[in-house]
Amino acid sequence: MNPAEDYILKQPEPYSSILLHLQVIVEHTISIAELKYKWGLPFYYINGKPFCYFNASHKGQFVDVAFVKGNQINVFKSHHVTEKRKKMMSLRYQSLEEVNDAVIIAILQEAYSLY
């Protein structure tokens, strides 16, 4: 098993369910995205360039989907979490019910258009 998938499957609930759902959305929306394990996290690459990553923060009790070119994404700005980051932006979820597929798909599509 790939270490990125191992990271996702070994998370306790609700992190594992959120991460699995996000994995399906990313891979269905951006079929060429390549899942790797970088810096201890599941990290998607497009054409060899970093695209987005997943982070299960047990301390903060959330899952982040962070986008490398997040500062260039304009759709659904009210959902963006930047926390003083200049380039990156993330979407943050504390439960599977909070994941809005339409929002994440629109953000993924705009992020992909930057590559």
PDB file of N, CA and C in Angstrom:
ATOM      1  N   MET A   1       0.852  -1.193   0.000  1.00  0.00           N
ATOM      2  CA  MET A   1       0.000   0.000   0.000  1.00  0.00           C
ATOM      3  C   MET A   1       0.888   1.243   0.000  1.00  0.00           C
ATOM      4  N   ASN A   2       0.449   2.222  -0.711  1.00  0.00           N
ATOM      5  CA  ASN A   2       1.166   3.489  -0.788  1.00  0.00           C
ATOM      6  C   ASN A   2       1.077   4.215   0.565  1.00  0.00           C
ATOM      7  N   PRO A   3       2.169   4.848   1.023  1.00  0.00           N
ATOM      8  CA  PRO A   3       2.181   5.495   2.341  1.00  0.00           C
ATOM      9  C   PRO A   3       1.109   6.580   2.503  1.00  0.00           C
ATOM     10  N   ALA A   4       0.738   7.254   1.422  1.00  0.00           N
ATOM     11  CA  ALA A   4      -0.306   8.284   1.501  1.00  0.00           C
ATOM     12  C   ALA A   4      -1.647   7.642   1.822  1.00  0.00           C
ATOM     13  N   GLU A   5      -1.944   6.521   1.180  1.00  0.00           N
ATOM     14  CA  GLU A   5      -3.193   5.808   1.458  1.00  0.00           C
ATOM     15  C   GLU A   5      -3.163   5.207   2.861  1.00  0.00           C
ATOM     16  N   ASP A   6      -2.002   4.755   3.285  1.00  0.00           N
ATOM     17  CA  ASP A   6      -1.835   4.222   4.631  1.00  0.00           C
ATOM     18  C   ASP A   6      -2.124   5.309   5.668  1.00  0.00           C
ATOM     19  N   TYR A   7      -1.632   6.529   5.416  1.00  0.00           N
ATOM     20  CA  TYR A   7      -1.887   7.673   6.300  1.00  0.00           C
ATOM     21  C   TYR A   7      -3.396   7.880   6.457  1.00  0.00           C
ATOM     22  N   ILE A   8      -4.106   7.865   5.343  1.00  0.00           N
ATOM     23  CA  ILE A   8      -5.554   8.095   5.352  1.00  0.00           C
ATOM     24  C   ILE A   8      -6.282   6.990   6.114  1.00  0.00           C
ATOM     25  N   LEU A   9      -5.960   5.740   5.819  1.00  0.00           N
ATOM     26  CA  LEU A   9      -6.663   4.611   6.424  1.00  0.00           C
ATOM     27  C   LEU A   9      -6.370   4.433   7.910  1.00  0.00           C
ATOM     28  N   LYS A  10      -5.211   4.895   8.364  1.00  0.00           N
ATOM     29  CA  LYS A  10      -4.841   4.708   9.769  1.00  0.00           C
ATOM     30  C   LYS A  10      -5.330   5.838  10.679  1.00  0.00           C
ATOM     31  N   GLN A  11      -5.983   6.830  10.106  1.00  0.00           N
ATOM     32  CA  GLN A  11      -6.508   7.918  10.938  1.00  0.00           C
ATOM     33  C   GLN A  11      -7.732   7.421  11.704  1.00  0.00           C
ATOM     34  N   PRO A  12      -7.903   7.904  12.934  1.00  0.00           N
ATOM     35  CA  PRO A  12      -9.129   7.564  13.667  1.00  0.00           C
ATOM     36  C   PRO A  12     -10.311   8.324  13.065  1.00  0.00           C
ATOM     37  N   GLU A  13     -11.504   7.905  13.414  1.00  0.00           N
ATOM     38  CA  GLU A  13     -12.702   8.641  12.978  1.00  0.00           C
ATOM     39  C   GLU A  13     -12.818   9.931  13.776  1.00  0.00           C
ATOM     40  N   PRO A  14     -13.321  10.987  13.211  1.00  0.00           N
ATOM     41  CA  PRO A  14     -13.950  11.106  11.895  1.00  0.00           C
ATOM     42  C   PRO A  14     -12.951  11.429  10.776  1.00  0.00           C
ATOM     43  N   TYR A  15     -11.658  11.565  11.130  1.00  0.00           N
ATOM     44  CA  TYR A  15     -10.653  11.980  10.147  1.00  0.00           C
ATOM     45  C   TYR A  15     -10.591  11.042   8.938  1.00  0.00           C
ATOM     46  N   SER A  16     -10.598   9.739   9.200  1.00  0.00           N
ATOM     47  CA  SER A  16     -10.481   8.769   8.114  1.00  0.00           C
ATOM     48  C   SER A  16     -11.625   8.904   7.110  1.00  0.00           C
ATOM     49  N   SER A  17     -12.844   9.011   7.592  1.00  0.00           N
ATOM     50  CA  SER A  17     -14.004   9.147   6.692  1.00  0.00           C
ATOM     51  C   SER A  17     -13.927  10.434   5.871  1.00  0.00           C
ATOM     52  N   ILE A  18     -13.527  11.519   6.512  1.00  0.00           N
ATOM     53  CA  ILE A  18     -13.408  12.804   5.803  1.00  0.00           C
ATOM     54  C   ILE A  18     -12.331  12.688   4.733  1.00  0.00           C
ATOM     55  N   LEU A  19     -11.172  12.144   5.095  1.00  0.00           N
ATOM     56  CA  LEU A  19     -10.063  12.018   4.151  1.00  0.00           C
ATOM     57  C   LEU A  19     -10.415  11.109   2.984  1.00  0.00           C
ATOM     58  N   LEU A  20     -11.069   9.988   3.252  1.00  0.00           N
ATOM     59  CA  LEU A  20     -11.468   9.079   2.169  1.00  0.00           C
ATOM     60  C   LEU A  20     -12.442   9.755   1.211  1.00  0.00           C
ATOM     61  N   HIS A  21     -13.380  10.496   1.755  1.00  0.00           N
ATOM     62  CA  HIS A  21     -14.343  11.217   0.917  1.00  0.00           C
ATOM     63  C   HIS A  21     -13.625  12.254   0.055  1.00  0.00           C
ATOM     64  N   LEU A  22     -12.723  12.998   0.660  1.00  0.00           N
ATOM     65  CA  LEU A  22     -11.970  14.014  -0.087  1.00  0.00           C
ATOM     66  C   LEU A  22     -11.092  13.369  -1.160  1.00  0.00           C
ATOM     67  N   GLN A  23     -10.511  12.220  -0.847  1.00  0.00           N
ATOM     68  CA  GLN A  23      -9.682  11.509  -1.822  1.00  0.00           C
ATOM     69  C   GLN A  23     -10.501  11.140  -3.054  1.00  0.00           C
ATOM     70  N   VAL A  24     -11.696  10.629  -2.832  1.00  0.00           N
ATOM     71  CA  VAL A  24     -12.576  10.256  -3.952  1.00  0.00           C
ATOM     72  C   VAL A  24     -12.919  11.493  -4.783  1.00  0.00           C
ATOM     73  N   ILE A  25     -13.241  12.593  -4.130  1.00  0.00           N
ATOM     74  CA  ILE A  25     -13.598  13.821  -4.855  1.00  0.00           C
ATOM     75  C   ILE A  25     -12.417  14.327  -5.685  1.00  0.00           C
ATOM     76  N   VAL A  26     -11.238  14.392  -5.077  1.00  0.00           N
ATOM     77  CA  VAL A  26     -10.055  14.885  -5.811  1.00  0.00           C
ATOM     78  C   VAL A  26      -9.774  13.990  -7.007  1.00  0.00           C
ATOM     79  N   GLU A  27      -9.724  12.689  -6.791  1.00  0.00           N
ATOM     80  CA  GLU A  27      -9.345  11.774  -7.870  1.00  0.00           C
ATOM     81  C   GLU A  27     -10.413  11.659  -8.953  1.00  0.00           C
ATOM     82  N   HIS A  28     -11.668  11.887  -8.606  1.00  0.00           N
ATOM     83  CA  HIS A  28     -12.733  11.880  -9.610  1.00  0.00           C
ATOM     84  C   HIS A  28     -12.736  13.195 -10.405  1.00  0.00           C
ATOM     85  N   THR A  29     -12.476  14.311  -9.727  1.00  0.00           N
ATOM     86  CA  THR A  29     -12.518  15.627 -10.372  1.00  0.00           C
ATOM     87  C   THR A  29     -11.268  15.895 -11.203  1.00  0.00           C
ATOM     88  N   ILE A  30     -10.116  15.530 -10.676  1.00  0.00           N
ATOM     89  CA  ILE A  30      -8.829  15.769 -11.357  1.00  0.00           C
ATOM     90  C   ILE A  30      -8.168  14.406 -11.555  1.00  0.00           C
ATOM     91  N   SER A  31      -8.563  13.716 -12.598  1.00  0.00           N
ATOM     92  CA  SER A  31      -8.125  12.331 -12.790  1.00  0.00           C
ATOM     93  C   SER A  31      -6.615  12.188 -12.982  1.00  0.00           C
ATOM     94  N   ILE A  32      -5.937  13.238 -13.401  1.00  0.00           N
ATOM     95  CA  ILE A  32      -4.488  13.126 -13.594  1.00  0.00           C
ATOM     96  C   ILE A  32      -3.697  13.438 -12.326  1.00  0.00           C
ATOM     97  N   ALA A  33      -4.386  13.821 -11.249  1.00  0.00           N
ATOM     98  CA  ALA A  33      -3.697  14.115  -9.989  1.00  0.00           C
ATOM     99  C   ALA A  33      -3.033  12.843  -9.474  1.00  0.00           C
ATOM    100  N   GLU A  34      -1.771  12.975  -9.112  1.00  0.00           N
ATOM    101  CA  GLU A  34      -0.993  11.835  -8.637  1.00  0.00           C
ATOM    102  C   GLU A  34      -0.785  11.961  -7.132  1.00  0.00           C
ATOM    103  N   LEU A  35      -1.257  10.957  -6.392  1.00  0.00           N
ATOM    104  CA  LEU A  35      -1.150  10.967  -4.935  1.00  0.00           C
ATOM    105  C   LEU A  35       0.226  10.454  -4.516  1.00  0.00           C
ATOM    106  N   LYS A  36       0.948  11.295  -3.781  1.00  0.00           N
ATOM    107  CA  LYS A  36       2.258  10.934  -3.244  1.00  0.00           C
ATOM    108  C   LYS A  36       2.244  11.158  -1.738  1.00  0.00           C
ATOM    109  N   TYR A  37       3.322  10.774  -1.101  1.00  0.00           N
ATOM    110  CA  TYR A  37       3.471  10.990   0.335  1.00  0.00           C
ATOM    111  C   TYR A  37       4.689  11.877   0.521  1.00  0.00           C
ATOM    112  N   LYS A  38       4.453  13.152   0.810  1.00  0.00           N
ATOM    113  CA  LYS A  38       5.538  14.128   0.961  1.00  0.00           C
ATOM    114  C   LYS A  38       5.384  14.854   2.286  1.00  0.00           C
ATOM    115  N   TRP A  39       6.483  15.100   2.939  1.00  0.00           N
ATOM    116  CA  TRP A  39       6.490  15.844   4.203  1.00  0.00           C
ATOM    117  C   TRP A  39       5.547  15.226   5.233  1.00  0.00           C
ATOM    118  N   GLY A  40       5.384  13.903   5.160  1.00  0.00           N
ATOM    119  CA  GLY A  40       4.550  13.194   6.114  1.00  0.00           C
ATOM    120  C   GLY A  40       3.059  13.324   5.879  1.00  0.00           C
ATOM    121  N   LEU A  41       2.658  13.786   4.673  1.00  0.00           N
ATOM    122  CA  LEU A  41       1.244  14.019   4.369  1.00  0.00           C
ATOM    123  C   LEU A  41       0.885  13.505   2.977  1.00  0.00           C
ATOM    124  N   PRO A  42      -0.386  13.137   2.759  1.00  0.00           N
ATOM    125  CA  PRO A  42      -0.842  12.816   1.402  1.00  0.00           C
ATOM    126  C   PRO A  42      -0.841  14.098   0.568  1.00  0.00           C
ATOM    127  N   PHE A  43      -0.097  14.091  -0.520  1.00  0.00           N
ATOM    128  CA  PHE A  43       0.113  15.292  -1.328  1.00  0.00           C
ATOM    129  C   PHE A  43      -0.169  14.956  -2.784  1.00  0.00           C
ATOM    130  N   TYR A  44      -1.064  15.713  -3.406  1.00  0.00           N
ATOM    131  CA  TYR A  44      -1.365  15.512  -4.823  1.00  0.00           C
ATOM    132  C   TYR A  44      -0.476  16.395  -5.680  1.00  0.00           C
ATOM    133  N   TYR A  45      -0.020  15.796  -6.791  1.00  0.00           N
ATOM    134  CA  TYR A  45       0.811  16.502  -7.758  1.00  0.00           C
ATOM    135  C   TYR A  45       0.120  16.482  -9.111  1.00  0.00           C
ATOM    136  N   ILE A  46       0.308  17.552  -9.865  1.00  0.00           N
ATOM    137  CA  ILE A  46      -0.190  17.629 -11.237  1.00  0.00           C
ATOM    138  C   ILE A  46       0.986  17.998 -12.118  1.00  0.00           C
ATOM    139  N   ASN A  47       1.233  17.163 -13.108  1.00  0.00           N
ATOM    140  CA  ASN A  47       2.356  17.375 -14.026  1.00  0.00           C
ATOM    141  C   ASN A  47       3.665  17.603 -13.264  1.00  0.00           C
ATOM    142  N   GLY A  48       3.855  16.847 -12.192  1.00  0.00           N
ATOM    143  CA  GLY A  48       5.091  16.934 -11.410  1.00  0.00           C
ATOM    144  C   GLY A  48       5.167  18.113 -10.457  1.00  0.00           C
ATOM    145  N   LYS A  49       4.102  18.914 -10.378  1.00  0.00           N
ATOM    146  CA  LYS A  49       4.102  20.093  -9.509  1.00  0.00           C
ATOM    147  C   LYS A  49       3.123  19.899  -8.355  1.00  0.00           C
ATOM    148  N   PRO A  50       3.493  20.347  -7.139  1.00  0.00           N
ATOM    149  CA  PRO A  50       2.596  20.206  -6.001  1.00  0.00           C
ATOM    150  C   PRO A  50       1.280  20.944  -6.224  1.00  0.00           C
ATOM    151  N   PHE A  51       0.179  20.278  -5.894  1.00  0.00           N
ATOM    152  CA  PHE A  51      -1.157  20.814  -6.140  1.00  0.00           C
ATOM    153  C   PHE A  51      -1.909  21.074  -4.833  1.00  0.00           C
ATOM    154  N   CYS A  52      -2.156  20.019  -4.063  1.00  0.00           N
ATOM    155  CA  CYS A  52      -2.849  20.167  -2.775  1.00  0.00           C
ATOM    156  C   CYS A  52      -2.470  19.012  -1.871  1.00  0.00           C
ATOM    157  N   TYR A  53      -2.711  19.192  -0.587  1.00  0.00           N
ATOM    158  CA  TYR A  53      -2.432  18.111   0.355  1.00  0.00           C
ATOM    159  C   TYR A  53      -3.512  18.036   1.419  1.00  0.00           C
ATOM    160  N   PHE A  54      -3.549  16.881   2.090  1.00  0.00           N
ATOM    161  CA  PHE A  54      -4.479  16.646   3.194  1.00  0.00           C
ATOM    162  C   PHE A  54      -3.691  16.650   4.493  1.00  0.00           C
ATOM    163  N   ASN A  55      -4.275  17.225   5.528  1.00  0.00           N
ATOM    164  CA  ASN A  55      -3.668  17.197   6.845  1.00  0.00           C
ATOM    165  C   ASN A  55      -4.752  16.958   7.888  1.00  0.00           C
ATOM    166  N   ALA A  56      -4.617  15.870   8.648  1.00  0.00           N
ATOM    167  CA  ALA A  56      -5.533  15.593   9.754  1.00  0.00           C
ATOM    168  C   ALA A  56      -4.893  16.167  11.014  1.00  0.00           C
ATOM    169  N   SER A  57      -5.459  17.237  11.517  1.00  0.00           N
ATOM    170  CA  SER A  57      -4.933  17.881  12.722  1.00  0.00           C
ATOM    171  C   SER A  57      -5.715  17.378  13.928  1.00  0.00           C
ATOM    172  N   HIS A  58      -5.104  16.461  14.659  1.00  0.00           N
ATOM    173  CA  HIS A  58      -5.763  15.912  15.843  1.00  0.00           C
ATOM    174  C   HIS A  58      -5.839  16.967  16.937  1.00  0.00           C
ATOM    175  N   LYS A  59      -4.818  17.793  17.034  1.00  0.00           N
ATOM    176  CA  LYS A  59      -4.805  18.864  18.036  1.00  0.00           C
ATOM    177  C   LYS A  59      -5.921  19.872  17.757  1.00  0.00           C
ATOM    178  N   GLY A  60      -6.039  20.295  16.500  1.00  0.00           N
ATOM    179  CA  GLY A  60      -7.068  21.263  16.118  1.00  0.00           C
ATOM    180  C   GLY A  60      -8.426  20.635  15.859  1.00  0.00           C
ATOM    181  N   GLN A  61      -8.459  19.310  15.761  1.00  0.00           N
ATOM    182  CA  GLN A  61      -9.669  18.532  15.518  1.00  0.00           C
ATOM    183  C   GLN A  61     -10.344  18.887  14.193  1.00  0.00           C
ATOM    184  N   PHE A  62      -9.550  18.891  13.113  1.00  0.00           N
ATOM    185  CA  PHE A  62     -10.086  19.163  11.785  1.00  0.00           C
ATOM    186  C   PHE A  62      -9.218  18.501  10.733  1.00  0.00           C
ATOM    187  N   VAL A  63      -9.745  18.454   9.514  1.00  0.00           N
ATOM    188  CA  VAL A  63      -8.995  18.022   8.341  1.00  0.00           C
ATOM    189  C   VAL A  63      -8.884  19.225   7.421  1.00  0.00           C
ATOM    190  N   ASP A  64      -7.679  19.499   6.974  1.00  0.00           N
ATOM    191  CA  ASP A  64      -7.425  20.567   6.010  1.00  0.00           C
ATOM    192  C   ASP A  64      -7.178  19.965   4.639  1.00  0.00           C
ATOM    193  N   VAL A  65      -7.724  20.599   3.609  1.00  0.00           N
ATOM    194  CA  VAL A  65      -7.318  20.358   2.226  1.00  0.00           C
ATOM    195  C   VAL A  65      -6.650  21.664   1.841  1.00  0.00           C
ATOM    196  N   ALA A  66      -5.340  21.641   1.723  1.00  0.00           N
ATOM    197  CA  ALA A  66      -4.589  22.875   1.470  1.00  0.00           C
ATOM    198  C   ALA A  66      -4.150  22.935   0.011  1.00  0.00           C
ATOM    199  N   PHE A  67      -4.316  24.103  -0.598  1.00  0.00           N
ATOM    200  CA  PHE A  67      -3.990  24.310  -2.001  1.00  0.00           C
ATOM    201  C   PHE A  67      -2.744  25.178  -2.123  1.00  0.00           C
ATOM    202  N   VAL A  68      -1.771  24.683  -2.867  1.00  0.00           N
ATOM    203  CA  VAL A  68      -0.495  25.379  -3.026  1.00  0.00           C
ATOM    204  C   VAL A  68      -0.692  26.765  -3.631  1.00  0.00           C
ATOM    205  N   LYS A  69      -1.536  26.884  -4.628  1.00  0.00           N
ATOM    206  CA  LYS A  69      -1.783  28.186  -5.271  1.00  0.00           C
ATOM    207  C   LYS A  69      -3.094  28.794  -4.773  1.00  0.00           C
ATOM    208  N   GLY A  70      -3.369  28.597  -3.512  1.00  0.00           N
ATOM    209  CA  GLY A  70      -4.628  29.017  -2.917  1.00  0.00           C
ATOM    210  C   GLY A  70      -4.921  30.498  -3.014  1.00  0.00           C
ATOM    211  N   ASN A  71      -3.873  31.324  -2.994  1.00  0.00           N
ATOM    212  CA  ASN A  71      -4.093  32.771  -3.076  1.00  0.00           C
ATOM    213  C   ASN A  71      -4.607  33.200  -4.449  1.00  0.00           C
ATOM    214  N   GLN A  72      -4.571  32.303  -5.435  1.00  0.00           N
ATOM    215  CA  GLN A  72      -5.047  32.628  -6.778  1.00  0.00           C
ATOM    216  C   GLN A  72      -6.455  32.080  -7.039  1.00  0.00           C
ATOM    217  N   ILE A  73      -7.026  31.412  -6.053  1.00  0.00           N
ATOM    218  CA  ILE A  73      -8.358  30.826  -6.199  1.00  0.00           C
ATOM    219  C   ILE A  73      -9.394  31.830  -5.715  1.00  0.00           C
ATOM    220  N   ASN A  74     -10.386  32.096  -6.544  1.00  0.00           N
ATOM    221  CA  ASN A  74     -11.373  33.127  -6.234  1.00  0.00           C
ATOM    222  C   ASN A  74     -12.776  32.622  -5.938  1.00  0.00           C
ATOM    223  N   VAL A  75     -13.077  31.360  -6.269  1.00  0.00           N
ATOM    224  CA  VAL A  75     -14.422  30.858  -6.005  1.00  0.00           C
ATOM    225  C   VAL A  75     -14.588  30.506  -4.529  1.00  0.00           C
ATOM    226  N   PHE A  76     -15.768  30.742  -4.015  1.00  0.00           N
ATOM    227  CA  PHE A  76     -16.129  30.405  -2.638  1.00  0.00           C
ATOM    228  C   PHE A  76     -15.128  30.943  -1.615  1.00  0.00           C
ATOM    229  N   LYS A  77     -14.752  32.198  -1.779  1.00  0.00           N
ATOM    230  CA  LYS A  77     -13.773  32.820  -0.872  1.00  0.00           C
ATOM    231  C   LYS A  77     -14.185  32.743   0.593  1.00  0.00           C
ATOM    232  N   SER A  78     -15.485  32.734   0.855  1.00  0.00           N
ATOM    233  CA  SER A  78     -15.938  32.688   2.251  1.00  0.00           C
ATOM    234  C   SER A  78     -15.562  31.361   2.935  1.00  0.00           C
ATOM    235  N   HIS A  79     -15.205  30.356   2.155  1.00  0.00           N
ATOM    236  CA  HIS A  79     -14.809  29.053   2.699  1.00  0.00           C
ATOM    237  C   HIS A  79     -13.295  28.950   2.909  1.00  0.00           C
ATOM    238  N   HIS A  80     -12.533  29.900   2.395  1.00  0.00           N
ATOM    239  CA  HIS A  80     -11.070  29.828   2.450  1.00  0.00           C
ATOM    240  C   HIS A  80     -10.554  30.096   3.858  1.00  0.00           C
ATOM    241  N   VAL A  81      -9.581  29.292   4.276  1.00  0.00           N
ATOM    242  CA  VAL A  81      -8.869  29.514   5.533  1.00  0.00           C
ATOM    243  C   VAL A  81      -7.418  29.810   5.146  1.00  0.00           C
ATOM    244  N   THR A  82      -6.952  31.008   5.475  1.00  0.00           N
ATOM    245  CA  THR A  82      -5.577  31.379   5.105  1.00  0.00           C
ATOM    246  C   THR A  82      -4.642  31.471   6.296  1.00  0.00           C
ATOM    247  N   GLU A  83      -5.133  31.863   7.451  1.00  0.00           N
ATOM    248  CA  GLU A  83      -4.337  31.965   8.663  1.00  0.00           C
ATOM    249  C   GLU A  83      -2.957  32.580   8.428  1.00  0.00           C
ATOM    250  N   LYS A  84      -2.948  33.762   7.847  1.00  0.00           N
ATOM    251  CA  LYS A  84      -1.730  34.542   7.620  1.00  0.00           C
ATOM    252  C   LYS A  84      -0.762  33.888   6.629  1.00  0.00           C
ATOM    253  N   ARG A  85      -1.239  32.935   5.851  1.00  0.00           N
ATOM    254  CA  ARG A  85      -0.398  32.334   4.810  1.00  0.00           C
ATOM    255  C   ARG A  85      -0.489  33.214   3.572  1.00  0.00           C
ATOM    256  N   LYS A  86       0.620  33.456   2.927  1.00  0.00           N
ATOM    257  CA  LYS A  86       0.639  34.348   1.769  1.00  0.00           C
ATOM    258  C   LYS A  86       0.191  33.659   0.486  1.00  0.00           C
ATOM    259  N   LYS A  87       0.532  32.401   0.306  1.00  0.00           N
ATOM    260  CA  LYS A  87       0.219  31.724  -0.946  1.00  0.00           C
ATOM    261  C   LYS A  87      -0.805  30.617  -0.797  1.00  0.00           C
ATOM    262  N   MET A  88      -0.775  29.904   0.283  1.00  0.00           N
ATOM    263  CA  MET A  88      -1.644  28.743   0.443  1.00  0.00           C
ATOM    264  C   MET A  88      -2.979  29.110   1.070  1.00  0.00           C
ATOM    265  N   MET A  89      -3.959  28.289   0.768  1.00  0.00           N
ATOM    266  CA  MET A  89      -5.301  28.423   1.327  1.00  0.00           C
ATOM    267  C   MET A  89      -5.785  27.010   1.575  1.00  0.00           C
ATOM    268  N   SER A  90      -6.645  26.855   2.559  1.00  0.00           N
ATOM    269  CA  SER A  90      -7.200  25.529   2.793  1.00  0.00           C
ATOM    270  C   SER A  90      -8.706  25.589   3.032  1.00  0.00           C
ATOM    271  N   LEU A  91      -9.301  24.431   2.899  1.00  0.00           N
ATOM    272  CA  LEU A  91     -10.686  24.205   3.286  1.00  0.00           C
ATOM    273  C   LEU A  91     -10.591  23.327   4.526  1.00  0.00           C
ATOM    274  N   ARG A  92     -11.392  23.625   5.530  1.00  0.00           N
ATOM    275  CA  ARG A  92     -11.259  22.937   6.819  1.00  0.00           C
ATOM    276  C   ARG A  92     -12.579  22.279   7.196  1.00  0.00           C
ATOM    277  N   TYR A  93     -12.460  21.004   7.606  1.00  0.00           N
ATOM    278  CA  TYR A  93     -13.655  20.228   7.953  1.00  0.00           C
ATOM    279  C   TYR A  93     -13.477  19.512   9.287  1.00  0.00           C
ATOM    280  N   GLN A  94     -14.510  19.590  10.127  1.00  0.00           N
ATOM    281  CA  GLN A  94     -14.499  18.880  11.399  1.00  0.00           C
ATOM    282  C   GLN A  94     -15.393  17.643  11.382  1.00  0.00           C
ATOM    283  N   SER A  95     -16.222  17.538  10.351  1.00  0.00           N
ATOM    284  CA  SER A  95     -17.076  16.356  10.208  1.00  0.00           C
ATOM    285  C   SER A  95     -17.334  16.109   8.732  1.00  0.00           C
ATOM    286  N   LEU A  96     -17.701  14.894   8.413  1.00  0.00           N
ATOM    287  CA  LEU A  96     -18.005  14.532   7.029  1.00  0.00           C
ATOM    288  C   LEU A  96     -19.201  15.327   6.516  1.00  0.00           C
ATOM    289  N   GLU A  97     -20.145  15.631   7.394  1.00  0.00           N
ATOM    290  CA  GLU A  97     -21.342  16.373   7.002  1.00  0.00           C
ATOM    291  C   GLU A  97     -21.019  17.800   6.557  1.00  0.00           C
ATOM    292  N   GLU A  98     -19.910  18.350   7.011  1.00  0.00           N
ATOM    293  CA  GLU A  98     -19.519  19.714   6.627  1.00  0.00           C
ATOM    294  C   GLU A  98     -18.984  19.805   5.206  1.00  0.00           C
ATOM    295  N   VAL A  99     -18.568  18.687   4.640  1.00  0.00           N
ATOM    296  CA  VAL A  99     -17.974  18.698   3.294  1.00  0.00           C
ATOM    297  C   VAL A  99     -19.075  18.951   2.274  1.00  0.00           C
ATOM    298  N   ASN A 100     -18.952  20.068   1.572  1.00  0.00           N
ATOM    299  CA  ASN A 100     -19.891  20.410   0.513  1.00  0.00           C
ATOM    300  C   ASN A 100     -19.210  20.054  -0.809  1.00  0.00           C
ATOM    301  N   ASP A 101     -19.664  18.979  -1.435  1.00  0.00           N
ATOM    302  CA  ASP A 101     -19.016  18.491  -2.649  1.00  0.00           C
ATOM    303  C   ASP A 101     -18.954  19.552  -3.742  1.00  0.00           C
ATOM    304  N   ALA A 102     -20.005  20.322  -3.915  1.00  0.00           N
ATOM    305  CA  ALA A 102     -20.034  21.343  -4.970  1.00  0.00           C
ATOM    306  C   ALA A 102     -18.949  22.395  -4.744  1.00  0.00           C
ATOM    307  N   VAL A 103     -18.737  22.775  -3.493  1.00  0.00           N
ATOM    308  CA  VAL A 103     -17.711  23.776  -3.176  1.00  0.00           C
ATOM    309  C   VAL A 103     -16.322  23.228  -3.476  1.00  0.00           C
ATOM    310  N   ILE A 104     -16.030  22.039  -2.976  1.00  0.00           N
ATOM    311  CA  ILE A 104     -14.689  21.477  -3.191  1.00  0.00           C
ATOM    312  C   ILE A 104     -14.434  21.210  -4.664  1.00  0.00           C
ATOM    313  N   ILE A 105     -15.439  20.761  -5.399  1.00  0.00           N
ATOM    314  CA  ILE A 105     -15.252  20.502  -6.839  1.00  0.00           C
ATOM    315  C   ILE A 105     -14.969  21.803  -7.578  1.00  0.00           C
ATOM    316  N   ALA A 106     -15.704  22.857  -7.283  1.00  0.00           N
ATOM    317  CA  ALA A 106     -15.465  24.157  -7.941  1.00  0.00           C
ATOM    318  C   ALA A 106     -14.069  24.679  -7.621  1.00  0.00           C
ATOM    319  N   ILE A 107     -13.640  24.529  -6.392  1.00  0.00           N
ATOM    320  CA  ILE A 107     -12.296  24.988  -6.005  1.00  0.00           C
ATOM    321  C   ILE A 107     -11.230  24.134  -6.674  1.00  0.00           C
ATOM    322  N   LEU A 108     -11.430  22.826  -6.704  1.00  0.00           N
ATOM    323  CA  LEU A 108     -10.479  21.945  -7.396  1.00  0.00           C
ATOM    324  C   LEU A 108     -10.352  22.316  -8.872  1.00  0.00           C
ATOM    325  N   GLN A 109     -11.484  22.577  -9.514  1.00  0.00           N
ATOM    326  CA  GLN A 109     -11.451  22.918 -10.941  1.00  0.00           C
ATOM    327  C   GLN A 109     -10.720  24.233 -11.183  1.00  0.00           C
ATOM    328  N   GLU A 110     -10.966  25.227 -10.334  1.00  0.00           N
ATOM    329  CA  GLU A 110     -10.262  26.492 -10.523  1.00  0.00           C
ATOM    330  C   GLU A 110      -8.769  26.314 -10.227  1.00  0.00           C
ATOM    331  N   ALA A 111      -8.443  25.584  -9.170  1.00  0.00           N
ATOM    332  CA  ALA A 111      -7.040  25.348  -8.846  1.00  0.00           C
ATOM    333  C   ALA A 111      -6.349  24.625  -9.993  1.00  0.00           C
ATOM    334  N   TYR A 112      -7.012  23.636 -10.588  1.00  0.00           N
ATOM    335  CA  TYR A 112      -6.445  22.875 -11.697  1.00  0.00           C
ATOM    336  C   TYR A 112      -6.194  23.780 -12.906  1.00  0.00           C
ATOM    337  N   SER A 113      -7.040  24.757 -13.111  1.00  0.00           N
ATOM    338  CA  SER A 113      -6.869  25.664 -14.257  1.00  0.00           C
ATOM    339  C   SER A 113      -5.589  26.505 -14.139  1.00  0.00           C
ATOM    340  N   LEU A 114      -5.008  26.547 -12.960  1.00  0.00           N
ATOM    341  CA  LEU A 114      -3.773  27.307 -12.741  1.00  0.00           C
ATOM    342  C   LEU A 114      -2.525  26.516 -13.121  1.00  0.00           C
ATOM    343  N   TYR A 115      -2.705  25.254 -13.517  1.00  0.00           N
ATOM    344  CA  TYR A 115      -1.550  24.393 -13.831  1.00  0.00           C
ATOM    345  C   TYR A 115      -1.392  24.145 -15.303  1.00  0.00           C
TER     346      TYR A 115
END
